[in-house]
Amino acid sequence: MAGEGTITVTQVKSAIGTKPKQRGTLRALGLGRIGKSNTLPDRPEIRGMLARVPHLISVEEQQANG
């Protein structure tokens, strides 16, 4: 996994009133409450999940060390 960075994802809006698929995506990202964050690898499948719920999250990219 050399050259692969990480992404810190933070939930900034509530999932109340969203579709069940979007709530499931948040759970799969390791989120569930406003203010909760998770660090994930920067991979295409994670990017696809982030693209489904951009209105509920904020994303910070970090560079790979080494």
N, C-alpha and C. Protein backbone atom coordinates (compact mmCIF):
# COMPACT_ATOMS: atom_id res chain seq x y z
N MET A 1 0.82 -1.18 0.00
CA MET A 1 0.00 0.00 0.00
C MET A 1 0.87 1.26 0.00
N ALA A 2 2.03 1.15 -0.57
CA ALA A 2 2.91 2.30 -0.63
C ALA A 2 2.33 3.39 -1.52
N GLY A 3 2.49 4.63 -1.11
CA GLY A 3 1.99 5.74 -1.89
C GLY A 3 0.51 6.03 -1.68
N GLU A 4 -0.10 5.30 -0.77
CA GLU A 4 -1.53 5.49 -0.52
C GLU A 4 -1.71 6.35 0.73
N GLY A 5 -2.43 7.45 0.58
CA GLY A 5 -2.66 8.34 1.71
C GLY A 5 -3.86 7.90 2.53
N THR A 6 -4.22 8.75 3.47
CA THR A 6 -5.40 8.48 4.28
C THR A 6 -6.33 9.66 4.21
N ILE A 7 -7.58 9.42 4.57
CA ILE A 7 -8.61 10.45 4.56
C ILE A 7 -9.25 10.46 5.94
N THR A 8 -9.43 11.64 6.53
CA THR A 8 -10.18 11.77 7.77
C THR A 8 -11.55 12.31 7.42
N VAL A 9 -12.57 11.54 7.76
CA VAL A 9 -13.95 11.89 7.45
C VAL A 9 -14.66 12.24 8.75
N THR A 10 -15.37 13.36 8.77
CA THR A 10 -16.11 13.80 9.95
C THR A 10 -17.56 14.05 9.55
N GLN A 11 -18.49 13.54 10.35
CA GLN A 11 -19.90 13.80 10.09
C GLN A 11 -20.25 15.18 10.63
N VAL A 12 -20.84 16.03 9.77
CA VAL A 12 -21.15 17.40 10.16
C VAL A 12 -22.65 17.69 10.18
N LYS A 13 -23.46 16.82 9.59
CA LYS A 13 -24.90 17.01 9.60
C LYS A 13 -25.58 15.71 10.03
N SER A 14 -26.79 15.85 10.53
CA SER A 14 -27.54 14.71 11.02
C SER A 14 -28.04 13.83 9.88
N ALA A 15 -28.17 12.53 10.16
CA ALA A 15 -28.70 11.59 9.17
C ALA A 15 -30.21 11.45 9.28
N ILE A 16 -30.82 12.17 10.22
CA ILE A 16 -32.28 12.12 10.37
C ILE A 16 -32.91 12.68 9.10
N GLY A 17 -33.86 11.95 8.56
CA GLY A 17 -34.55 12.39 7.36
C GLY A 17 -33.87 11.98 6.06
N THR A 18 -32.71 11.34 6.15
CA THR A 18 -32.04 10.87 4.94
C THR A 18 -32.55 9.48 4.58
N LYS A 19 -32.23 9.04 3.39
CA LYS A 19 -32.66 7.72 2.93
C LYS A 19 -31.88 6.63 3.65
N PRO A 20 -32.48 5.47 3.82
CA PRO A 20 -31.80 4.37 4.52
C PRO A 20 -30.45 4.00 3.91
N LYS A 21 -30.33 4.11 2.60
CA LYS A 21 -29.07 3.78 1.95
C LYS A 21 -27.96 4.75 2.37
N GLN A 22 -28.31 6.02 2.54
CA GLN A 22 -27.33 7.01 2.97
C GLN A 22 -26.94 6.77 4.43
N ARG A 23 -27.89 6.39 5.27
CA ARG A 23 -27.57 6.07 6.67
C ARG A 23 -26.66 4.86 6.73
N GLY A 24 -26.91 3.88 5.88
CA GLY A 24 -26.05 2.69 5.82
C GLY A 24 -24.64 3.03 5.38
N THR A 25 -24.53 3.96 4.44
CA THR A 25 -23.21 4.39 3.98
C THR A 25 -22.44 5.06 5.11
N LEU A 26 -23.12 5.90 5.90
CA LEU A 26 -22.46 6.53 7.05
C LEU A 26 -21.97 5.47 8.03
N ARG A 27 -22.79 4.47 8.32
CA ARG A 27 -22.40 3.40 9.23
C ARG A 27 -21.18 2.65 8.68
N ALA A 28 -21.17 2.40 7.38
CA ALA A 28 -20.05 1.68 6.76
C ALA A 28 -18.76 2.50 6.81
N LEU A 29 -18.90 3.82 6.84
CA LEU A 29 -17.73 4.70 6.96
C LEU A 29 -17.28 4.83 8.41
N GLY A 30 -18.03 4.24 9.34
CA GLY A 30 -17.66 4.29 10.75
C GLY A 30 -18.18 5.53 11.45
N LEU A 31 -19.21 6.15 10.87
CA LEU A 31 -19.79 7.35 11.46
C LEU A 31 -21.18 7.03 12.00
N GLY A 32 -21.82 7.99 12.65
CA GLY A 32 -23.15 7.74 13.16
C GLY A 32 -23.68 8.89 13.97
N ARG A 33 -22.79 9.76 14.43
CA ARG A 33 -23.22 10.93 15.20
C ARG A 33 -22.50 12.16 14.66
N ILE A 34 -23.11 13.31 14.83
CA ILE A 34 -22.48 14.55 14.42
C ILE A 34 -21.20 14.73 15.23
N GLY A 35 -20.12 15.08 14.55
CA GLY A 35 -18.83 15.30 15.22
C GLY A 35 -17.95 14.08 15.27
N LYS A 36 -18.48 12.91 14.95
CA LYS A 36 -17.67 11.69 14.97
C LYS A 36 -16.79 11.66 13.73
N SER A 37 -15.53 11.23 13.89
CA SER A 37 -14.60 11.14 12.76
C SER A 37 -13.99 9.77 12.66
N ASN A 38 -13.50 9.47 11.48
CA ASN A 38 -12.84 8.20 11.25
C ASN A 38 -11.76 8.42 10.20
N THR A 39 -10.64 7.73 10.35
CA THR A 39 -9.55 7.79 9.38
C THR A 39 -9.59 6.54 8.53
N LEU A 40 -9.64 6.75 7.22
CA LEU A 40 -9.80 5.65 6.27
C LEU A 40 -8.72 5.72 5.20
N PRO A 41 -8.40 4.59 4.57
CA PRO A 41 -7.44 4.63 3.46
C PRO A 41 -8.06 5.32 2.24
N ASP A 42 -7.22 5.99 1.48
CA ASP A 42 -7.68 6.70 0.28
C ASP A 42 -7.72 5.72 -0.89
N ARG A 43 -8.87 5.05 -1.04
CA ARG A 43 -9.05 4.06 -2.10
C ARG A 43 -10.30 4.41 -2.89
N PRO A 44 -10.42 3.92 -4.12
CA PRO A 44 -11.58 4.24 -4.96
C PRO A 44 -12.91 3.84 -4.34
N GLU A 45 -12.97 2.70 -3.65
CA GLU A 45 -14.25 2.28 -3.06
C GLU A 45 -14.67 3.19 -1.92
N ILE A 46 -13.70 3.72 -1.18
CA ILE A 46 -14.01 4.68 -0.11
C ILE A 46 -14.46 6.00 -0.73
N ARG A 47 -13.78 6.43 -1.79
CA ARG A 47 -14.16 7.67 -2.48
C ARG A 47 -15.58 7.58 -3.02
N GLY A 48 -15.97 6.41 -3.50
CA GLY A 48 -17.34 6.22 -3.99
C GLY A 48 -18.35 6.35 -2.88
N MET A 49 -18.02 5.85 -1.70
CA MET A 49 -18.92 5.97 -0.55
C MET A 49 -19.04 7.44 -0.13
N LEU A 50 -17.93 8.16 -0.17
CA LEU A 50 -17.95 9.58 0.19
C LEU A 50 -18.80 10.38 -0.80
N ALA A 51 -18.79 9.97 -2.06
CA ALA A 51 -19.56 10.67 -3.09
C ALA A 51 -21.06 10.51 -2.89
N ARG A 52 -21.48 9.49 -2.15
CA ARG A 52 -22.92 9.28 -1.90
C ARG A 52 -23.47 10.20 -0.82
N VAL A 53 -22.61 10.67 0.09
CA VAL A 53 -23.09 11.48 1.21
C VAL A 53 -22.26 12.76 1.42
N PRO A 54 -21.97 13.50 0.35
CA PRO A 54 -21.10 14.68 0.53
C PRO A 54 -21.75 15.79 1.35
N HIS A 55 -23.07 15.81 1.41
CA HIS A 55 -23.79 16.85 2.14
C HIS A 55 -23.82 16.59 3.64
N LEU A 56 -23.37 15.42 4.08
CA LEU A 56 -23.40 15.06 5.50
C LEU A 56 -22.03 15.03 6.15
N ILE A 57 -20.96 15.13 5.35
CA ILE A 57 -19.62 14.92 5.87
C ILE A 57 -18.66 16.03 5.44
N SER A 58 -17.52 16.10 6.13
CA SER A 58 -16.39 16.90 5.66
C SER A 58 -15.19 15.97 5.56
N VAL A 59 -14.34 16.22 4.59
CA VAL A 59 -13.23 15.32 4.30
C VAL A 59 -11.91 16.09 4.36
N GLU A 60 -10.92 15.53 5.05
CA GLU A 60 -9.56 16.08 5.07
C GLU A 60 -8.62 15.00 4.56
N GLU A 61 -7.78 15.39 3.59
CA GLU A 61 -6.84 14.42 3.04
C GLU A 61 -5.49 14.58 3.74
N GLN A 62 -4.83 13.44 4.00
CA GLN A 62 -3.49 13.44 4.55
C GLN A 62 -2.57 12.70 3.60
N GLN A 63 -1.34 13.15 3.54
CA GLN A 63 -0.37 12.51 2.66
C GLN A 63 0.19 11.25 3.30
N ALA A 64 0.60 10.31 2.47
CA ALA A 64 1.21 9.07 2.97
C ALA A 64 2.61 9.40 3.50
N ASN A 65 2.97 8.78 4.61
CA ASN A 65 4.29 8.96 5.18
C ASN A 65 5.22 7.89 4.62
N GLY A 66 6.37 8.34 4.18
CA GLY A 66 7.35 7.37 3.71
C GLY A 66 7.44 7.41 2.27
